[in-house]
Amino acid sequence: MAKSATMTIDSTKVDPAALWEIENILYGSPEAPPRMPLPREIISIIKQEGLVEDPNDPGTFIIMYGALEEDPEDPGTFDIVKMGVDEDDTEAGTYTIGNQA
């Protein structure tokens, strides 16, 4: 017997922006063809975590859901504002990601 899984998303309980993002992945958009997201990507979108791993490039993350804010004192540079993303104390410019699904 083949393995299978089911994931149900209750549209009355999920943020509309997250539902829109999931639908764009499943059905495609003008920018990207449709694809089947991994469960951890769906969970990250629903939780609106600041980063989602790029399924086409493992180890690379897509910044989303207001994870960055432009620095008002230095236009064109951005600060990470989501929890779970921290700059590495020993290597400036490198970030650690915690609590990812």
PDB file of N, CA and C in Angstrom:
ATOM      1  N   MET A   1       0.841  -1.178   0.000  1.00  0.00           N
ATOM      2  CA  MET A   1       0.000   0.000   0.000  1.00  0.00           C
ATOM      3  C   MET A   1       0.891   1.248   0.000  1.00  0.00           C
ATOM      4  N   ALA A   2       0.553   2.209  -0.827  1.00  0.00           N
ATOM      5  CA  ALA A   2       1.313   3.454  -0.915  1.00  0.00           C
ATOM      6  C   ALA A   2       1.037   4.328   0.303  1.00  0.00           C
ATOM      7  N   LYS A   3       2.058   5.050   0.727  1.00  0.00           N
ATOM      8  CA  LYS A   3       1.886   5.977   1.843  1.00  0.00           C
ATOM      9  C   LYS A   3       1.160   7.213   1.347  1.00  0.00           C
ATOM     10  N   SER A   4       0.357   7.791   2.218  1.00  0.00           N
ATOM     11  CA  SER A   4      -0.339   9.025   1.871  1.00  0.00           C
ATOM     12  C   SER A   4      -0.544   9.841   3.141  1.00  0.00           C
ATOM     13  N   ALA A   5      -0.869  11.102   2.938  1.00  0.00           N
ATOM     14  CA  ALA A   5      -1.119  11.999   4.065  1.00  0.00           C
ATOM     15  C   ALA A   5      -2.184  13.000   3.656  1.00  0.00           C
ATOM     16  N   THR A   6      -2.856  13.535   4.639  1.00  0.00           N
ATOM     17  CA  THR A   6      -3.876  14.543   4.397  1.00  0.00           C
ATOM     18  C   THR A   6      -3.627  15.705   5.339  1.00  0.00           C
ATOM     19  N   MET A   7      -3.780  16.912   4.818  1.00  0.00           N
ATOM     20  CA  MET A   7      -3.691  18.113   5.645  1.00  0.00           C
ATOM     21  C   MET A   7      -4.926  18.941   5.330  1.00  0.00           C
ATOM     22  N   THR A   8      -5.689  19.287   6.356  1.00  0.00           N
ATOM     23  CA  THR A   8      -6.890  20.090   6.178  1.00  0.00           C
ATOM     24  C   THR A   8      -6.639  21.475   6.741  1.00  0.00           C
ATOM     25  N   ILE A   9      -6.989  22.494   5.973  1.00  0.00           N
ATOM     26  CA  ILE A   9      -6.830  23.881   6.403  1.00  0.00           C
ATOM     27  C   ILE A   9      -8.220  24.492   6.511  1.00  0.00           C
ATOM     28  N   ASP A  10      -8.584  24.918   7.695  1.00  0.00           N
ATOM     29  CA  ASP A  10      -9.891  25.534   7.929  1.00  0.00           C
ATOM     30  C   ASP A  10      -9.788  27.014   7.567  1.00  0.00           C
ATOM     31  N   SER A  11     -10.405  27.385   6.457  1.00  0.00           N
ATOM     32  CA  SER A  11     -10.290  28.755   5.962  1.00  0.00           C
ATOM     33  C   SER A  11     -10.938  29.780   6.893  1.00  0.00           C
ATOM     34  N   THR A  12     -11.775  29.332   7.833  1.00  0.00           N
ATOM     35  CA  THR A  12     -12.383  30.266   8.782  1.00  0.00           C
ATOM     36  C   THR A  12     -11.458  30.574   9.954  1.00  0.00           C
ATOM     37  N   LYS A  13     -10.352  29.805  10.066  1.00  0.00           N
ATOM     38  CA  LYS A  13      -9.450  29.985  11.195  1.00  0.00           C
ATOM     39  C   LYS A  13      -8.050  30.437  10.790  1.00  0.00           C
ATOM     40  N   VAL A  14      -7.789  30.507   9.485  1.00  0.00           N
ATOM     41  CA  VAL A  14      -6.461  30.879   8.984  1.00  0.00           C
ATOM     42  C   VAL A  14      -6.507  32.318   8.498  1.00  0.00           C
ATOM     43  N   ASP A  15      -5.461  33.065   8.781  1.00  0.00           N
ATOM     44  CA  ASP A  15      -5.349  34.436   8.302  1.00  0.00           C
ATOM     45  C   ASP A  15      -5.555  34.463   6.786  1.00  0.00           C
ATOM     46  N   PRO A  16      -6.385  35.383   6.265  1.00  0.00           N
ATOM     47  CA  PRO A  16      -6.636  35.433   4.827  1.00  0.00           C
ATOM     48  C   PRO A  16      -5.371  35.582   3.980  1.00  0.00           C
ATOM     49  N   ALA A  17      -4.378  36.317   4.481  1.00  0.00           N
ATOM     50  CA  ALA A  17      -3.125  36.477   3.723  1.00  0.00           C
ATOM     51  C   ALA A  17      -2.382  35.148   3.626  1.00  0.00           C
ATOM     52  N   ALA A  18      -2.416  34.357   4.680  1.00  0.00           N
ATOM     53  CA  ALA A  18      -1.761  33.045   4.658  1.00  0.00           C
ATOM     54  C   ALA A  18      -2.503  32.101   3.713  1.00  0.00           C
ATOM     55  N   LEU A  19      -3.816  32.138   3.750  1.00  0.00           N
ATOM     56  CA  LEU A  19      -4.612  31.297   2.853  1.00  0.00           C
ATOM     57  C   LEU A  19      -4.341  31.679   1.400  1.00  0.00           C
ATOM     58  N   TRP A  20      -4.262  32.961   1.122  1.00  0.00           N
ATOM     59  CA  TRP A  20      -3.960  33.451  -0.227  1.00  0.00           C
ATOM     60  C   TRP A  20      -2.601  32.929  -0.689  1.00  0.00           C
ATOM     61  N   GLU A  21      -1.614  32.959   0.199  1.00  0.00           N
ATOM     62  CA  GLU A  21      -0.267  32.477  -0.130  1.00  0.00           C
ATOM     63  C   GLU A  21      -0.286  30.981  -0.452  1.00  0.00           C
ATOM     64  N   ILE A  22      -0.998  30.217   0.346  1.00  0.00           N
ATOM     65  CA  ILE A  22      -1.099  28.769   0.116  1.00  0.00           C
ATOM     66  C   ILE A  22      -1.809  28.486  -1.208  1.00  0.00           C
ATOM     67  N   GLU A  23      -2.886  29.208  -1.478  1.00  0.00           N
ATOM     68  CA  GLU A  23      -3.605  29.023  -2.740  1.00  0.00           C
ATOM     69  C   GLU A  23      -2.731  29.364  -3.938  1.00  0.00           C
ATOM     70  N   ASN A  24      -1.920  30.415  -3.823  1.00  0.00           N
ATOM     71  CA  ASN A  24      -1.011  30.772  -4.920  1.00  0.00           C
ATOM     72  C   ASN A  24       0.011  29.673  -5.178  1.00  0.00           C
ATOM     73  N   ILE A  25       0.435  28.996  -4.131  1.00  0.00           N
ATOM     74  CA  ILE A  25       1.378  27.889  -4.304  1.00  0.00           C
ATOM     75  C   ILE A  25       0.670  26.708  -4.973  1.00  0.00           C
ATOM     76  N   LEU A  26      -0.508  26.369  -4.476  1.00  0.00           N
ATOM     77  CA  LEU A  26      -1.230  25.201  -4.996  1.00  0.00           C
ATOM     78  C   LEU A  26      -1.740  25.386  -6.421  1.00  0.00           C
ATOM     79  N   TYR A  27      -2.252  26.571  -6.715  1.00  0.00           N
ATOM     80  CA  TYR A  27      -2.880  26.805  -8.012  1.00  0.00           C
ATOM     81  C   TYR A  27      -1.993  27.591  -8.975  1.00  0.00           C
ATOM     82  N   GLY A  28      -0.881  28.101  -8.471  1.00  0.00           N
ATOM     83  CA  GLY A  28       0.005  28.902  -9.306  1.00  0.00           C
ATOM     84  C   GLY A  28      -0.399  30.364  -9.291  1.00  0.00           C
ATOM     85  N   SER A  29       0.470  31.186  -9.833  1.00  0.00           N
ATOM     86  CA  SER A  29       0.250  32.623  -9.901  1.00  0.00           C
ATOM     87  C   SER A  29       0.952  33.128 -11.156  1.00  0.00           C
ATOM     88  N   PRO A  30       0.785  34.391 -11.488  1.00  0.00           N
ATOM     89  CA  PRO A  30       1.507  34.914 -12.653  1.00  0.00           C
ATOM     90  C   PRO A  30       3.030  34.799 -12.505  1.00  0.00           C
ATOM     91  N   GLU A  31       3.515  34.750 -11.251  1.00  0.00           N
ATOM     92  CA  GLU A  31       4.955  34.686 -11.001  1.00  0.00           C
ATOM     93  C   GLU A  31       5.509  33.267 -10.919  1.00  0.00           C
ATOM     94  N   ALA A  32       4.665  32.276 -10.612  1.00  0.00           N
ATOM     95  CA  ALA A  32       5.173  30.922 -10.384  1.00  0.00           C
ATOM     96  C   ALA A  32       4.129  29.875 -10.778  1.00  0.00           C
ATOM     97  N   PRO A  33       4.596  28.743 -11.292  1.00  0.00           N
ATOM     98  CA  PRO A  33       3.666  27.664 -11.637  1.00  0.00           C
ATOM     99  C   PRO A  33       3.157  26.975 -10.362  1.00  0.00           C
ATOM    100  N   PRO A  34       2.058  26.232 -10.455  1.00  0.00           N
ATOM    101  CA  PRO A  34       1.557  25.518  -9.277  1.00  0.00           C
ATOM    102  C   PRO A  34       2.531  24.427  -8.836  1.00  0.00           C
ATOM    103  N   ARG A  35       2.511  24.155  -7.535  1.00  0.00           N
ATOM    104  CA  ARG A  35       3.354  23.092  -6.995  1.00  0.00           C
ATOM    105  C   ARG A  35       2.743  22.607  -5.691  1.00  0.00           C
ATOM    106  N   MET A  36       3.212  21.451  -5.228  1.00  0.00           N
ATOM    107  CA  MET A  36       2.738  20.898  -3.956  1.00  0.00           C
ATOM    108  C   MET A  36       3.732  21.289  -2.866  1.00  0.00           C
ATOM    109  N   PRO A  37       3.322  22.126  -1.916  1.00  0.00           N
ATOM    110  CA  PRO A  37       4.234  22.533  -0.845  1.00  0.00           C
ATOM    111  C   PRO A  37       4.421  21.402   0.169  1.00  0.00           C
ATOM    112  N   LEU A  38       5.559  21.427   0.837  1.00  0.00           N
ATOM    113  CA  LEU A  38       5.809  20.483   1.922  1.00  0.00           C
ATOM    114  C   LEU A  38       4.986  20.900   3.144  1.00  0.00           C
ATOM    115  N   PRO A  39       4.617  19.949   3.985  1.00  0.00           N
ATOM    116  CA  PRO A  39       3.830  20.298   5.181  1.00  0.00           C
ATOM    117  C   PRO A  39       4.489  21.379   6.035  1.00  0.00           C
ATOM    118  N   ARG A  40       5.820  21.319   6.210  1.00  0.00           N
ATOM    119  CA  ARG A  40       6.473  22.334   7.061  1.00  0.00           C
ATOM    120  C   ARG A  40       6.366  23.725   6.454  1.00  0.00           C
ATOM    121  N   GLU A  41       6.298  23.818   5.110  1.00  0.00           N
ATOM    122  CA  GLU A  41       6.125  25.124   4.472  1.00  0.00           C
ATOM    123  C   GLU A  41       4.725  25.661   4.755  1.00  0.00           C
ATOM    124  N   ILE A  42       3.721  24.803   4.661  1.00  0.00           N
ATOM    125  CA  ILE A  42       2.347  25.229   4.956  1.00  0.00           C
ATOM    126  C   ILE A  42       2.239  25.683   6.411  1.00  0.00           C
ATOM    127  N   ILE A  43       2.820  24.929   7.318  1.00  0.00           N
ATOM    128  CA  ILE A  43       2.782  25.288   8.736  1.00  0.00           C
ATOM    129  C   ILE A  43       3.472  26.630   8.962  1.00  0.00           C
ATOM    130  N   SER A  44       4.609  26.853   8.314  1.00  0.00           N
ATOM    131  CA  SER A  44       5.327  28.130   8.456  1.00  0.00           C
ATOM    132  C   SER A  44       4.486  29.287   7.941  1.00  0.00           C
ATOM    133  N   ILE A  45       3.789  29.063   6.835  1.00  0.00           N
ATOM    134  CA  ILE A  45       2.941  30.120   6.276  1.00  0.00           C
ATOM    135  C   ILE A  45       1.790  30.423   7.223  1.00  0.00           C
ATOM    136  N   ILE A  46       1.140  29.388   7.732  1.00  0.00           N
ATOM    137  CA  ILE A  46       0.011  29.599   8.638  1.00  0.00           C
ATOM    138  C   ILE A  46       0.456  30.304   9.919  1.00  0.00           C
ATOM    139  N   LYS A  47       1.610  29.910  10.447  1.00  0.00           N
ATOM    140  CA  LYS A  47       2.131  30.556  11.652  1.00  0.00           C
ATOM    141  C   LYS A  47       2.681  31.939  11.351  1.00  0.00           C
ATOM    142  N   GLN A  48       2.809  32.253  10.052  1.00  0.00           N
ATOM    143  CA  GLN A  48       3.388  33.507   9.576  1.00  0.00           C
ATOM    144  C   GLN A  48       4.761  33.747  10.183  1.00  0.00           C
ATOM    145  N   GLU A  49       5.566  32.694  10.137  1.00  0.00           N
ATOM    146  CA  GLU A  49       6.942  32.820  10.583  1.00  0.00           C
ATOM    147  C   GLU A  49       7.691  33.685   9.580  1.00  0.00           C
ATOM    148  N   GLY A  50       8.746  34.260  10.014  1.00  0.00           N
ATOM    149  CA  GLY A  50       9.487  35.187   9.169  1.00  0.00           C
ATOM    150  C   GLY A  50      10.211  34.549   8.013  1.00  0.00           C
ATOM    151  N   LEU A  51      10.526  33.287   8.112  1.00  0.00           N
ATOM    152  CA  LEU A  51      11.278  32.624   7.056  1.00  0.00           C
ATOM    153  C   LEU A  51      10.625  31.305   6.692  1.00  0.00           C
ATOM    154  N   VAL A  52      10.671  30.987   5.412  1.00  0.00           N
ATOM    155  CA  VAL A  52      10.209  29.694   4.913  1.00  0.00           C
ATOM    156  C   VAL A  52      11.320  29.142   4.042  1.00  0.00           C
ATOM    157  N   GLU A  53      11.682  27.882   4.249  1.00  0.00           N
ATOM    158  CA  GLU A  53      12.730  27.280   3.443  1.00  0.00           C
ATOM    159  C   GLU A  53      12.270  27.178   1.993  1.00  0.00           C
ATOM    160  N   ASP A  54      13.138  27.562   1.063  1.00  0.00           N
ATOM    161  CA  ASP A  54      12.848  27.497  -0.360  1.00  0.00           C
ATOM    162  C   ASP A  54      12.858  26.030  -0.781  1.00  0.00           C
ATOM    163  N   PRO A  55      11.710  25.482  -1.231  1.00  0.00           N
ATOM    164  CA  PRO A  55      11.678  24.067  -1.592  1.00  0.00           C
ATOM    165  C   PRO A  55      12.543  23.743  -2.813  1.00  0.00           C
ATOM    166  N   ASN A  56      12.858  24.744  -3.610  1.00  0.00           N
ATOM    167  CA  ASN A  56      13.692  24.533  -4.788  1.00  0.00           C
ATOM    168  C   ASN A  56      15.180  24.656  -4.488  1.00  0.00           C
ATOM    169  N   ASP A  57      15.508  25.147  -3.291  1.00  0.00           N
ATOM    170  CA  ASP A  57      16.910  25.351  -2.927  1.00  0.00           C
ATOM    171  C   ASP A  57      17.069  25.123  -1.422  1.00  0.00           C
ATOM    172  N   PRO A  58      17.071  23.848  -0.985  1.00  0.00           N
ATOM    173  CA  PRO A  58      17.164  23.556   0.448  1.00  0.00           C
ATOM    174  C   PRO A  58      18.352  24.264   1.106  1.00  0.00           C
ATOM    175  N   GLY A  59      18.104  24.781   2.292  1.00  0.00           N
ATOM    176  CA  GLY A  59      19.139  25.523   3.007  1.00  0.00           C
ATOM    177  C   GLY A  59      19.066  27.015   2.743  1.00  0.00           C
ATOM    178  N   THR A  60      18.235  27.413   1.769  1.00  0.00           N
ATOM    179  CA  THR A  60      18.007  28.827   1.465  1.00  0.00           C
ATOM    180  C   THR A  60      16.605  29.165   1.940  1.00  0.00           C
ATOM    181  N   PHE A  61      16.442  30.341   2.514  1.00  0.00           N
ATOM    182  CA  PHE A  61      15.151  30.709   3.081  1.00  0.00           C
ATOM    183  C   PHE A  61      14.581  31.948   2.406  1.00  0.00           C
ATOM    184  N   ILE A  62      13.275  31.967   2.294  1.00  0.00           N
ATOM    185  CA  ILE A  62      12.541  33.091   1.718  1.00  0.00           C
ATOM    186  C   ILE A  62      12.041  33.931   2.880  1.00  0.00           C
ATOM    187  N   ILE A  63      12.287  35.227   2.821  1.00  0.00           N
ATOM    188  CA  ILE A  63      11.840  36.136   3.878  1.00  0.00           C
ATOM    189  C   ILE A  63      10.415  36.572   3.548  1.00  0.00           C
ATOM    190  N   MET A  64       9.515  36.451   4.522  1.00  0.00           N
ATOM    191  CA  MET A  64       8.124  36.793   4.261  1.00  0.00           C
ATOM    192  C   MET A  64       7.424  37.294   5.512  1.00  0.00           C
ATOM    193  N   TYR A  65       6.192  37.749   5.329  1.00  0.00           N
ATOM    194  CA  TYR A  65       5.298  38.169   6.411  1.00  0.00           C
ATOM    195  C   TYR A  65       5.899  39.218   7.331  1.00  0.00           C
ATOM    196  N   GLY A  66       6.440  40.259   6.766  1.00  0.00           N
ATOM    197  CA  GLY A  66       6.921  41.348   7.582  1.00  0.00           C
ATOM    198  C   GLY A  66       8.083  40.993   8.474  1.00  0.00           C
ATOM    199  N   ALA A  67       8.907  40.055   8.036  1.00  0.00           N
ATOM    200  CA  ALA A  67      10.059  39.652   8.839  1.00  0.00           C
ATOM    201  C   ALA A  67      11.110  40.752   8.880  1.00  0.00           C
ATOM    202  N   LEU A  68      11.054  41.672   7.937  1.00  0.00           N
ATOM    203  CA  LEU A  68      12.031  42.754   7.880  1.00  0.00           C
ATOM    204  C   LEU A  68      11.328  44.099   7.951  1.00  0.00           C
ATOM    205  N   GLU A  69      11.997  45.053   8.556  1.00  0.00           N
ATOM    206  CA  GLU A  69      11.532  46.440   8.543  1.00  0.00           C
ATOM    207  C   GLU A  69      12.699  47.307   8.106  1.00  0.00           C
ATOM    208  N   GLU A  70      12.407  48.282   7.261  1.00  0.00           N
ATOM    209  CA  GLU A  70      13.468  49.181   6.804  1.00  0.00           C
ATOM    210  C   GLU A  70      13.937  50.036   7.969  1.00  0.00           C
ATOM    211  N   ASP A  71      15.254  50.189   8.085  1.00  0.00           N
ATOM    212  CA  ASP A  71      15.848  50.993   9.144  1.00  0.00           C
ATOM    213  C   ASP A  71      15.605  52.465   8.808  1.00  0.00           C
ATOM    214  N   PRO A  72      14.836  53.189   9.634  1.00  0.00           N
ATOM    215  CA  PRO A  72      14.533  54.586   9.321  1.00  0.00           C
ATOM    216  C   PRO A  72      15.771  55.483   9.310  1.00  0.00           C
ATOM    217  N   GLU A  73      16.815  55.072  10.020  1.00  0.00           N
ATOM    218  CA  GLU A  73      18.043  55.865  10.063  1.00  0.00           C
ATOM    219  C   GLU A  73      18.994  55.545   8.920  1.00  0.00           C
ATOM    220  N   ASP A  74      18.728  54.429   8.207  1.00  0.00           N
ATOM    221  CA  ASP A  74      19.605  54.013   7.112  1.00  0.00           C
ATOM    222  C   ASP A  74      18.763  53.398   5.997  1.00  0.00           C
ATOM    223  N   PRO A  75      18.055  54.243   5.215  1.00  0.00           N
ATOM    224  CA  PRO A  75      17.187  53.727   4.161  1.00  0.00           C
ATOM    225  C   PRO A  75      17.933  52.763   3.233  1.00  0.00           C
ATOM    226  N   GLY A  76      17.239  51.701   2.867  1.00  0.00           N
ATOM    227  CA  GLY A  76      17.845  50.690   2.004  1.00  0.00           C
ATOM    228  C   GLY A  76      18.435  49.539   2.774  1.00  0.00           C
ATOM    229  N   THR A  77      18.519  49.661   4.102  1.00  0.00           N
ATOM    230  CA  THR A  77      18.943  48.532   4.935  1.00  0.00           C
ATOM    231  C   THR A  77      17.741  48.100   5.774  1.00  0.00           C
ATOM    232  N   PHE A  78      17.745  46.851   6.159  1.00  0.00           N
ATOM    233  CA  PHE A  78      16.582  46.292   6.841  1.00  0.00           C
ATOM    234  C   PHE A  78      16.991  45.574   8.115  1.00  0.00           C
ATOM    235  N   ASP A  79      16.102  45.596   9.099  1.00  0.00           N
ATOM    236  CA  ASP A  79      16.297  44.894  10.361  1.00  0.00           C
ATOM    237  C   ASP A  79      15.351  43.702  10.399  1.00  0.00           C
ATOM    238  N   ILE A  80      15.829  42.570  10.912  1.00  0.00           N
ATOM    239  CA  ILE A  80      14.982  41.402  11.107  1.00  0.00           C
ATOM    240  C   ILE A  80      14.152  41.634  12.358  1.00  0.00           C
ATOM    241  N   VAL A  81      12.838  41.479  12.232  1.00  0.00           N
ATOM    242  CA  VAL A  81      11.961  41.787  13.357  1.00  0.00           C
ATOM    243  C   VAL A  81      11.131  40.599  13.823  1.00  0.00           C
ATOM    244  N   LYS A  82      11.278  39.438  13.200  1.00  0.00           N
ATOM    245  CA  LYS A  82      10.525  38.266  13.631  1.00  0.00           C
ATOM    246  C   LYS A  82      11.333  37.466  14.636  1.00  0.00           C
ATOM    247  N   MET A  83      10.650  36.888  15.613  1.00  0.00           N
ATOM    248  CA  MET A  83      11.311  36.033  16.586  1.00  0.00           C
ATOM    249  C   MET A  83      11.785  34.759  15.899  1.00  0.00           C
ATOM    250  N   GLY A  84      12.831  34.181  16.408  1.00  0.00           N
ATOM    251  CA  GLY A  84      13.343  32.940  15.853  1.00  0.00           C
ATOM    252  C   GLY A  84      14.464  33.144  14.854  1.00  0.00           C
ATOM    253  N   VAL A  85      14.777  34.403  14.538  1.00  0.00           N
ATOM    254  CA  VAL A  85      15.887  34.712  13.637  1.00  0.00           C
ATOM    255  C   VAL A  85      16.825  35.625  14.409  1.00  0.00           C
ATOM    256  N   ASP A  86      18.039  35.146  14.633  1.00  0.00           N
ATOM    257  CA  ASP A  86      18.986  35.914  15.432  1.00  0.00           C
ATOM    258  C   ASP A  86      20.337  35.976  14.740  1.00  0.00           C
ATOM    259  N   GLU A  87      20.995  37.132  14.854  1.00  0.00           N
ATOM    260  CA  GLU A  87      22.336  37.248  14.295  1.00  0.00           C
ATOM    261  C   GLU A  87      23.308  36.443  15.153  1.00  0.00           C
ATOM    262  N   ASP A  88      24.186  35.721  14.492  1.00  0.00           N
ATOM    263  CA  ASP A  88      25.200  34.905  15.168  1.00  0.00           C
ATOM    264  C   ASP A  88      26.183  35.846  15.863  1.00  0.00           C
ATOM    265  N   ASP A  89      26.357  35.667  17.174  1.00  0.00           N
ATOM    266  CA  ASP A  89      27.257  36.528  17.948  1.00  0.00           C
ATOM    267  C   ASP A  89      28.705  36.416  17.502  1.00  0.00           C
ATOM    268  N   THR A  90      29.080  35.284  16.934  1.00  0.00           N
ATOM    269  CA  THR A  90      30.478  35.076  16.568  1.00  0.00           C
ATOM    270  C   THR A  90      30.776  35.422  15.116  1.00  0.00           C
ATOM    271  N   GLU A  91      29.721  35.586  14.288  1.00  0.00           N
ATOM    272  CA  GLU A  91      29.941  35.864  12.875  1.00  0.00           C
ATOM    273  C   GLU A  91      28.899  36.859  12.367  1.00  0.00           C
ATOM    274  N   ALA A  92      29.237  38.144  12.407  1.00  0.00           N
ATOM    275  CA  ALA A  92      28.319  39.198  11.978  1.00  0.00           C
ATOM    276  C   ALA A  92      27.856  38.950  10.544  1.00  0.00           C
ATOM    277  N   GLY A  93      26.563  39.202  10.304  1.00  0.00           N
ATOM    278  CA  GLY A  93      26.009  38.998   8.966  1.00  0.00           C
ATOM    279  C   GLY A  93      25.516  37.580   8.730  1.00  0.00           C
ATOM    280  N   THR A  94      25.709  36.699   9.721  1.00  0.00           N
ATOM    281  CA  THR A  94      25.211  35.329   9.640  1.00  0.00           C
ATOM    282  C   THR A  94      24.104  35.189  10.666  1.00  0.00           C
ATOM    283  N   TYR A  95      23.047  34.485  10.297  1.00  0.00           N
ATOM    284  CA  TYR A  95      21.875  34.387  11.156  1.00  0.00           C
ATOM    285  C   TYR A  95      21.536  32.942  11.469  1.00  0.00           C
ATOM    286  N   THR A  96      21.053  32.722  12.673  1.00  0.00           N
ATOM    287  CA  THR A  96      20.585  31.400  13.051  1.00  0.00           C
ATOM    288  C   THR A  96      19.064  31.436  13.049  1.00  0.00           C
ATOM    289  N   ILE A  97      18.473  30.311  12.706  1.00  0.00           N
ATOM    290  CA  ILE A  97      17.031  30.209  12.615  1.00  0.00           C
ATOM    291  C   ILE A  97      16.583  29.177  13.619  1.00  0.00           C
ATOM    292  N   GLY A  98      15.718  29.568  14.514  1.00  0.00           N
ATOM    293  CA  GLY A  98      15.205  28.652  15.518  1.00  0.00           C
ATOM    294  C   GLY A  98      13.715  28.475  15.395  1.00  0.00           C
ATOM    295  N   ASN A  99      13.217  27.444  15.995  1.00  0.00           N
ATOM    296  CA  ASN A  99      11.776  27.173  16.064  1.00  0.00           C
ATOM    297  C   ASN A  99      11.127  27.055  14.698  1.00  0.00           C
ATOM    298  N   GLN A 100      11.845  26.536  13.713  1.00  0.00           N
ATOM    299  CA  GLN A 100      11.238  26.319  12.404  1.00  0.00           C
ATOM    300  C   GLN A 100      10.548  24.980  12.402  1.00  0.00           C
ATOM    301  N   ALA A 101       9.379  24.915  11.773  1.00  0.00           N
ATOM    302  CA  ALA A 101       8.597  23.667  11.707  1.00  0.00           C
ATOM    303  C   ALA A 101       9.292  22.671  10.824  1.00  0.00           C
TER     304      ALA A 101
END
